[in-house]
Amino acid sequence: MTAATAQFLSPIPAENPPTKSEAEELHWRPVLGLSCELTVDLPVPGFKVSDFLTLRPGAVLGTDWRLTRDIPLRINGTLIGWAEFEGGGSRLAVRLMELA
């Protein structure tokens, strides 16, 4: 076992077995610091290559999507749940509504 691996493992006394939540935390601890890409899939019907080529910073794309409609939420391309857009002032947020 390397020193890098050893830092993620903590000794567990035999007389005190971990609870289910502690065991789950220990299981996930090695990967919690890994980066991933979170994406929200928002279809824009009728979008063409010519539209893409004319995009400029600050451009606004029109869409039929409503703010409260569930949209797919993916991590590294894998569907993990559905979310909703929420608007507030000049900010747009995504709220996780359901796990896949």
N, C-alpha and C. Protein backbone atom coordinates (compact mmCIF):
# COMPACT_ATOMS: atom_id res chain seq x y z
N MET A 1 0.84 -1.17 0.00
CA MET A 1 0.00 0.00 0.00
C MET A 1 0.89 1.24 0.00
N THR A 2 0.56 2.17 -0.85
CA THR A 2 1.36 3.39 -0.93
C THR A 2 0.88 4.39 0.10
N ALA A 3 1.71 5.40 0.34
CA ALA A 3 1.34 6.44 1.29
C ALA A 3 0.10 7.19 0.81
N ALA A 4 -0.02 7.37 -0.53
CA ALA A 4 -1.18 8.07 -1.08
C ALA A 4 -2.45 7.27 -0.83
N THR A 5 -2.39 5.97 -0.93
CA THR A 5 -3.56 5.14 -0.67
C THR A 5 -3.87 5.11 0.81
N ALA A 6 -2.85 5.05 1.63
CA ALA A 6 -3.03 4.94 3.07
C ALA A 6 -3.75 6.15 3.64
N GLN A 7 -3.62 7.34 3.06
CA GLN A 7 -4.26 8.51 3.61
C GLN A 7 -5.78 8.44 3.50
N PHE A 8 -6.32 7.65 2.55
CA PHE A 8 -7.76 7.54 2.38
C PHE A 8 -8.37 6.50 3.30
N LEU A 9 -7.58 5.61 3.84
CA LEU A 9 -8.10 4.55 4.68
C LEU A 9 -7.85 4.87 6.14
N SER A 10 -8.86 4.70 6.95
CA SER A 10 -8.67 4.93 8.37
C SER A 10 -8.88 3.61 9.08
N PRO A 11 -8.07 3.33 10.10
CA PRO A 11 -8.22 2.07 10.80
C PRO A 11 -9.57 1.99 11.50
N ILE A 12 -10.18 0.81 11.43
CA ILE A 12 -11.46 0.59 12.06
C ILE A 12 -11.27 -0.47 13.13
N PRO A 13 -11.47 -0.11 14.39
CA PRO A 13 -11.32 -1.11 15.45
C PRO A 13 -12.34 -2.24 15.26
N ALA A 14 -11.90 -3.48 15.49
CA ALA A 14 -12.76 -4.65 15.31
C ALA A 14 -13.96 -4.61 16.24
N GLU A 15 -13.82 -4.04 17.43
CA GLU A 15 -14.93 -4.04 18.38
C GLU A 15 -15.99 -3.01 18.04
N ASN A 16 -15.68 -2.04 17.17
CA ASN A 16 -16.65 -1.01 16.77
C ASN A 16 -16.82 -1.03 15.25
N PRO A 17 -17.61 -1.95 14.71
CA PRO A 17 -17.79 -1.96 13.25
C PRO A 17 -18.48 -0.68 12.80
N PRO A 18 -18.16 -0.20 11.61
CA PRO A 18 -18.74 1.07 11.15
C PRO A 18 -20.24 0.92 10.91
N THR A 19 -20.96 2.03 11.11
CA THR A 19 -22.37 2.05 10.76
C THR A 19 -22.48 2.03 9.24
N LYS A 20 -23.68 1.84 8.75
CA LYS A 20 -23.88 1.79 7.30
C LYS A 20 -23.43 3.09 6.64
N SER A 21 -23.77 4.24 7.24
CA SER A 21 -23.38 5.52 6.66
C SER A 21 -21.87 5.73 6.72
N GLU A 22 -21.23 5.29 7.80
CA GLU A 22 -19.77 5.41 7.91
C GLU A 22 -19.09 4.52 6.88
N ALA A 23 -19.61 3.31 6.69
CA ALA A 23 -19.04 2.40 5.71
C ALA A 23 -19.19 2.97 4.30
N GLU A 24 -20.33 3.59 4.02
CA GLU A 24 -20.55 4.20 2.71
C GLU A 24 -19.58 5.36 2.49
N GLU A 25 -19.38 6.16 3.53
CA GLU A 25 -18.44 7.29 3.44
C GLU A 25 -17.03 6.78 3.15
N LEU A 26 -16.61 5.74 3.85
CA LEU A 26 -15.29 5.16 3.63
C LEU A 26 -15.16 4.62 2.21
N HIS A 27 -16.23 4.05 1.70
CA HIS A 27 -16.23 3.49 0.35
C HIS A 27 -16.01 4.59 -0.70
N TRP A 28 -16.65 5.74 -0.52
CA TRP A 28 -16.59 6.82 -1.51
C TRP A 28 -15.42 7.77 -1.32
N ARG A 29 -14.79 7.77 -0.16
CA ARG A 29 -13.74 8.74 0.15
C ARG A 29 -12.64 8.83 -0.92
N PRO A 30 -12.15 7.73 -1.50
CA PRO A 30 -11.07 7.85 -2.49
C PRO A 30 -11.44 8.64 -3.74
N VAL A 31 -12.72 8.75 -4.09
CA VAL A 31 -13.08 9.42 -5.33
C VAL A 31 -13.72 10.79 -5.14
N LEU A 32 -13.95 11.20 -3.91
CA LEU A 32 -14.65 12.46 -3.67
C LEU A 32 -13.94 13.68 -4.24
N GLY A 33 -12.63 13.64 -4.35
CA GLY A 33 -11.88 14.78 -4.87
C GLY A 33 -11.68 14.79 -6.37
N LEU A 34 -12.14 13.74 -7.07
CA LEU A 34 -11.98 13.68 -8.51
C LEU A 34 -12.89 14.69 -9.20
N SER A 35 -12.39 15.31 -10.26
CA SER A 35 -13.22 16.28 -10.98
C SER A 35 -14.13 15.53 -11.96
N CYS A 36 -15.24 16.15 -12.28
CA CYS A 36 -16.17 15.60 -13.25
C CYS A 36 -16.83 16.76 -13.98
N GLU A 37 -17.51 16.43 -15.06
CA GLU A 37 -18.19 17.46 -15.84
C GLU A 37 -19.69 17.30 -15.68
N LEU A 38 -20.33 18.32 -15.14
CA LEU A 38 -21.78 18.33 -14.95
C LEU A 38 -22.39 19.11 -16.10
N THR A 39 -23.32 18.50 -16.83
CA THR A 39 -23.95 19.17 -17.96
C THR A 39 -25.46 19.12 -17.82
N VAL A 40 -26.10 20.13 -18.35
CA VAL A 40 -27.54 20.20 -18.43
C VAL A 40 -27.87 20.21 -19.91
N ASP A 41 -28.70 19.25 -20.34
CA ASP A 41 -29.07 19.16 -21.75
C ASP A 41 -30.30 20.00 -22.01
N LEU A 42 -30.15 21.04 -22.79
CA LEU A 42 -31.26 21.91 -23.13
C LEU A 42 -31.43 21.91 -24.64
N PRO A 43 -32.41 21.19 -25.14
CA PRO A 43 -32.60 21.17 -26.59
C PRO A 43 -33.09 22.53 -27.10
N VAL A 44 -32.56 22.94 -28.22
CA VAL A 44 -32.98 24.17 -28.87
C VAL A 44 -33.49 23.76 -30.25
N PRO A 45 -34.83 23.56 -30.37
CA PRO A 45 -35.38 23.09 -31.64
C PRO A 45 -35.13 24.08 -32.77
N GLY A 46 -34.85 23.56 -33.93
CA GLY A 46 -34.66 24.39 -35.11
C GLY A 46 -33.31 25.08 -35.19
N PHE A 47 -32.39 24.80 -34.27
CA PHE A 47 -31.06 25.41 -34.29
C PHE A 47 -30.28 24.84 -35.45
N LYS A 48 -29.67 25.71 -36.26
CA LYS A 48 -28.95 25.29 -37.46
C LYS A 48 -27.47 25.64 -37.36
N VAL A 49 -26.69 25.05 -38.24
CA VAL A 49 -25.25 25.35 -38.30
C VAL A 49 -25.06 26.85 -38.55
N SER A 50 -25.90 27.42 -39.39
CA SER A 50 -25.77 28.86 -39.67
C SER A 50 -26.00 29.68 -38.40
N ASP A 51 -26.91 29.22 -37.52
CA ASP A 51 -27.12 29.90 -36.24
C ASP A 51 -25.87 29.81 -35.37
N PHE A 52 -25.26 28.64 -35.36
CA PHE A 52 -24.03 28.44 -34.59
C PHE A 52 -22.92 29.35 -35.07
N LEU A 53 -22.78 29.46 -36.38
CA LEU A 53 -21.70 30.27 -36.95
C LEU A 53 -21.88 31.76 -36.69
N THR A 54 -23.09 32.20 -36.41
CA THR A 54 -23.32 33.63 -36.14
C THR A 54 -23.34 33.95 -34.65
N LEU A 55 -23.12 32.96 -33.77
CA LEU A 55 -23.10 33.22 -32.33
C LEU A 55 -21.96 34.16 -31.95
N ARG A 56 -22.25 35.07 -31.06
CA ARG A 56 -21.27 36.01 -30.55
C ARG A 56 -21.44 36.08 -29.03
N PRO A 57 -20.43 36.54 -28.30
CA PRO A 57 -20.59 36.70 -26.85
C PRO A 57 -21.80 37.58 -26.53
N GLY A 58 -22.59 37.14 -25.59
CA GLY A 58 -23.78 37.88 -25.19
C GLY A 58 -25.02 37.51 -25.99
N ALA A 59 -24.89 36.62 -26.96
CA ALA A 59 -26.05 36.22 -27.76
C ALA A 59 -27.06 35.48 -26.88
N VAL A 60 -28.32 35.65 -27.20
CA VAL A 60 -29.40 34.98 -26.47
C VAL A 60 -30.09 34.04 -27.45
N LEU A 61 -30.21 32.77 -27.05
CA LEU A 61 -30.86 31.78 -27.91
C LEU A 61 -32.30 31.60 -27.45
N GLY A 62 -33.21 31.69 -28.37
CA GLY A 62 -34.61 31.47 -28.04
C GLY A 62 -34.89 29.97 -27.98
N THR A 63 -35.74 29.57 -27.05
CA THR A 63 -36.10 28.17 -26.92
C THR A 63 -37.54 28.07 -26.42
N ASP A 64 -38.16 26.93 -26.67
CA ASP A 64 -39.53 26.68 -26.20
C ASP A 64 -39.54 26.18 -24.77
N TRP A 65 -38.37 25.93 -24.21
CA TRP A 65 -38.27 25.29 -22.90
C TRP A 65 -38.80 26.23 -21.81
N ARG A 66 -39.64 25.70 -20.93
CA ARG A 66 -40.15 26.49 -19.82
C ARG A 66 -39.21 26.35 -18.63
N LEU A 67 -39.15 27.35 -17.80
CA LEU A 67 -38.24 27.34 -16.65
C LEU A 67 -38.49 26.17 -15.72
N THR A 68 -39.72 25.73 -15.59
CA THR A 68 -40.02 24.69 -14.61
C THR A 68 -40.08 23.28 -15.21
N ARG A 69 -39.77 23.11 -16.45
CA ARG A 69 -39.83 21.79 -17.06
C ARG A 69 -38.56 21.01 -16.74
N ASP A 70 -38.72 19.71 -16.42
CA ASP A 70 -37.56 18.89 -16.07
C ASP A 70 -36.62 18.74 -17.25
N ILE A 71 -35.34 18.95 -16.98
CA ILE A 71 -34.31 18.81 -18.00
C ILE A 71 -33.29 17.78 -17.54
N PRO A 72 -32.71 17.01 -18.47
CA PRO A 72 -31.74 15.98 -18.09
C PRO A 72 -30.47 16.60 -17.52
N LEU A 73 -29.97 16.00 -16.44
CA LEU A 73 -28.73 16.41 -15.78
C LEU A 73 -27.76 15.24 -15.88
N ARG A 74 -26.57 15.49 -16.40
CA ARG A 74 -25.60 14.41 -16.63
C ARG A 74 -24.27 14.72 -15.97
N ILE A 75 -23.60 13.67 -15.52
CA ILE A 75 -22.22 13.77 -15.05
C ILE A 75 -21.39 12.87 -15.95
N ASN A 76 -20.41 13.48 -16.60
CA ASN A 76 -19.55 12.78 -17.55
C ASN A 76 -20.36 11.99 -18.57
N GLY A 77 -21.47 12.57 -19.03
CA GLY A 77 -22.30 11.97 -20.05
C GLY A 77 -23.33 10.97 -19.55
N THR A 78 -23.31 10.63 -18.28
CA THR A 78 -24.24 9.66 -17.72
C THR A 78 -25.39 10.39 -17.03
N LEU A 79 -26.62 10.03 -17.40
CA LEU A 79 -27.79 10.65 -16.80
C LEU A 79 -27.85 10.34 -15.32
N ILE A 80 -27.92 11.38 -14.49
CA ILE A 80 -28.00 11.17 -13.04
C ILE A 80 -29.32 11.66 -12.46
N GLY A 81 -30.05 12.47 -13.22
CA GLY A 81 -31.31 12.96 -12.71
C GLY A 81 -31.91 14.02 -13.61
N TRP A 82 -32.93 14.67 -13.06
CA TRP A 82 -33.62 15.73 -13.78
C TRP A 82 -33.62 16.97 -12.92
N ALA A 83 -33.54 18.10 -13.58
CA ALA A 83 -33.44 19.38 -12.88
C ALA A 83 -34.42 20.37 -13.48
N GLU A 84 -34.54 21.50 -12.82
CA GLU A 84 -35.34 22.61 -13.31
C GLU A 84 -34.48 23.86 -13.31
N PHE A 85 -34.70 24.71 -14.30
CA PHE A 85 -34.06 26.02 -14.31
C PHE A 85 -34.84 26.93 -13.38
N GLU A 86 -34.13 27.80 -12.71
CA GLU A 86 -34.74 28.84 -11.90
C GLU A 86 -34.07 30.14 -12.25
N GLY A 87 -34.86 31.14 -12.49
CA GLY A 87 -34.32 32.46 -12.80
C GLY A 87 -34.47 33.38 -11.62
N GLY A 88 -33.46 34.20 -11.41
CA GLY A 88 -33.50 35.18 -10.33
C GLY A 88 -32.65 36.37 -10.71
N GLY A 89 -33.28 37.47 -11.04
CA GLY A 89 -32.51 38.64 -11.47
C GLY A 89 -31.78 38.34 -12.77
N SER A 90 -30.49 38.52 -12.76
CA SER A 90 -29.70 38.26 -13.97
C SER A 90 -29.01 36.90 -13.91
N ARG A 91 -29.42 36.04 -12.94
CA ARG A 91 -28.77 34.74 -12.77
C ARG A 91 -29.72 33.62 -13.14
N LEU A 92 -29.15 32.52 -13.58
CA LEU A 92 -29.90 31.33 -13.91
C LEU A 92 -29.31 30.19 -13.10
N ALA A 93 -30.15 29.44 -12.40
CA ALA A 93 -29.69 28.33 -11.57
C ALA A 93 -30.38 27.06 -12.02
N VAL A 94 -29.81 25.93 -11.59
CA VAL A 94 -30.38 24.62 -11.88
C VAL A 94 -30.65 23.94 -10.54
N ARG A 95 -31.88 23.48 -10.34
CA ARG A 95 -32.25 22.79 -9.10
C ARG A 95 -32.49 21.32 -9.41
N LEU A 96 -31.76 20.43 -8.73
CA LEU A 96 -31.93 18.99 -8.89
C LEU A 96 -33.28 18.61 -8.33
N MET A 97 -34.13 17.96 -9.14
CA MET A 97 -35.48 17.61 -8.70
C MET A 97 -35.65 16.11 -8.45
N GLU A 98 -34.95 15.29 -9.23
CA GLU A 98 -35.13 13.85 -9.11
C GLU A 98 -33.86 13.14 -9.56
N LEU A 99 -33.46 12.12 -8.82
CA LEU A 99 -32.32 11.30 -9.23
C LEU A 99 -32.80 10.21 -10.17
N ALA A 100 -31.96 9.86 -11.12
CA ALA A 100 -32.31 8.80 -12.09
C ALA A 100 -32.25 7.45 -11.44
